[in-house]
């Protein structure tokens, strides 16, 4: 079982935002990187990342079928 600490999750959130900004030109790459990010974040960081994606890229890059219903953020 993988243990994700708060510090690691916060660093991963910043890293994920950086990578996703660079991958926004290709929807398939963006979704792949977003899926990877969800695996390495705590629930509250997942919510923050989803809000960030919605604010910066709109709903076309969301991964609704991939993450669990409880991770849907209210943005």
Protein backbone atom coordinates (compact mmCIF):
# COMPACT_ATOMS: atom_id res chain seq x y z
CA UNK A 1 0.00 0.00 0.00
CA UNK A 2 1.31 3.40 -0.97
CA UNK A 3 1.39 6.03 1.75
CA UNK A 4 0.97 9.61 0.60
CA UNK A 5 1.99 12.29 3.06
CA UNK A 6 0.55 15.80 3.13
CA UNK A 7 3.90 17.36 2.13
CA UNK A 8 4.36 14.95 -0.77
CA UNK A 9 0.80 15.57 -1.93
CA UNK A 10 1.24 19.36 -1.89
CA UNK A 11 4.47 19.07 -3.90
CA UNK A 12 2.77 16.69 -6.33
CA UNK A 13 -0.11 19.14 -6.74
CA UNK A 14 2.27 21.92 -7.79
CA UNK A 15 4.14 19.54 -10.09
CA UNK A 16 0.89 18.31 -11.63
CA UNK A 17 -0.31 21.84 -12.34
CA UNK A 18 3.00 22.60 -14.06
CA UNK A 19 2.85 19.46 -16.22
CA UNK A 20 -0.83 19.93 -17.07
CA UNK A 21 -0.17 23.50 -18.18
CA UNK A 22 2.39 22.15 -20.64
CA UNK A 23 0.13 19.32 -21.85
CA UNK A 24 -2.95 21.43 -22.50
CA UNK A 25 -2.30 21.43 -26.27
CA UNK A 26 -3.26 17.73 -26.52
CA UNK A 27 -6.41 16.46 -24.80
CA UNK A 28 -5.23 12.82 -24.74
CA UNK A 29 -1.92 13.69 -23.07
CA UNK A 30 -3.67 16.05 -20.69
CA UNK A 31 -6.12 13.38 -19.56
CA UNK A 32 -3.31 10.85 -19.15
CA UNK A 33 -1.33 13.22 -16.93
CA UNK A 34 -4.46 14.18 -15.00
CA UNK A 35 -5.16 10.51 -14.33
CA UNK A 36 -1.59 10.08 -13.03
CA UNK A 37 -1.98 13.10 -10.79
CA UNK A 38 -5.12 11.70 -9.16
CA UNK A 39 -3.19 8.59 -8.13
CA UNK A 40 -0.64 10.65 -6.20
CA UNK A 41 -2.82 13.18 -4.42
CA UNK A 42 -4.84 13.23 -1.24
CA UNK A 43 -8.57 13.83 -1.56
CA UNK A 44 -8.41 17.55 -0.72
CA UNK A 45 -5.66 18.12 -3.28
CA UNK A 46 -7.73 16.23 -5.87
CA UNK A 47 -10.56 18.67 -5.27
CA UNK A 48 -8.19 21.62 -5.60
CA UNK A 49 -6.71 20.23 -8.82
CA UNK A 50 -10.14 19.64 -10.33
CA UNK A 51 -11.16 23.23 -9.53
CA UNK A 52 -7.90 24.48 -11.06
CA UNK A 53 -8.53 22.44 -14.23
CA UNK A 54 -12.08 23.79 -14.53
CA UNK A 55 -10.95 27.38 -14.03
CA UNK A 56 -8.04 27.19 -16.46
CA UNK A 57 -9.21 24.78 -19.13
CA UNK A 58 -12.96 24.38 -18.79
CA UNK A 59 -14.84 21.11 -18.48
CA UNK A 60 -13.52 19.50 -21.68
CA UNK A 61 -10.47 18.11 -19.83
CA UNK A 62 -12.22 16.55 -16.83
CA UNK A 63 -11.98 12.83 -16.19
CA UNK A 64 -15.46 12.12 -14.92
CA UNK A 65 -15.43 8.40 -15.80
CA UNK A 66 -12.03 7.82 -14.15
CA UNK A 67 -12.28 9.15 -10.63
CA UNK A 68 -14.78 8.16 -8.00
CA UNK A 69 -17.94 10.09 -7.39
CA UNK A 70 -16.80 11.19 -3.92
CA UNK A 71 -13.92 13.12 -5.53
CA UNK A 72 -16.18 15.44 -7.47
CA UNK A 73 -15.38 18.93 -6.28
CA UNK A 74 -17.91 21.67 -5.92
CA UNK A 75 -16.36 24.54 -7.84
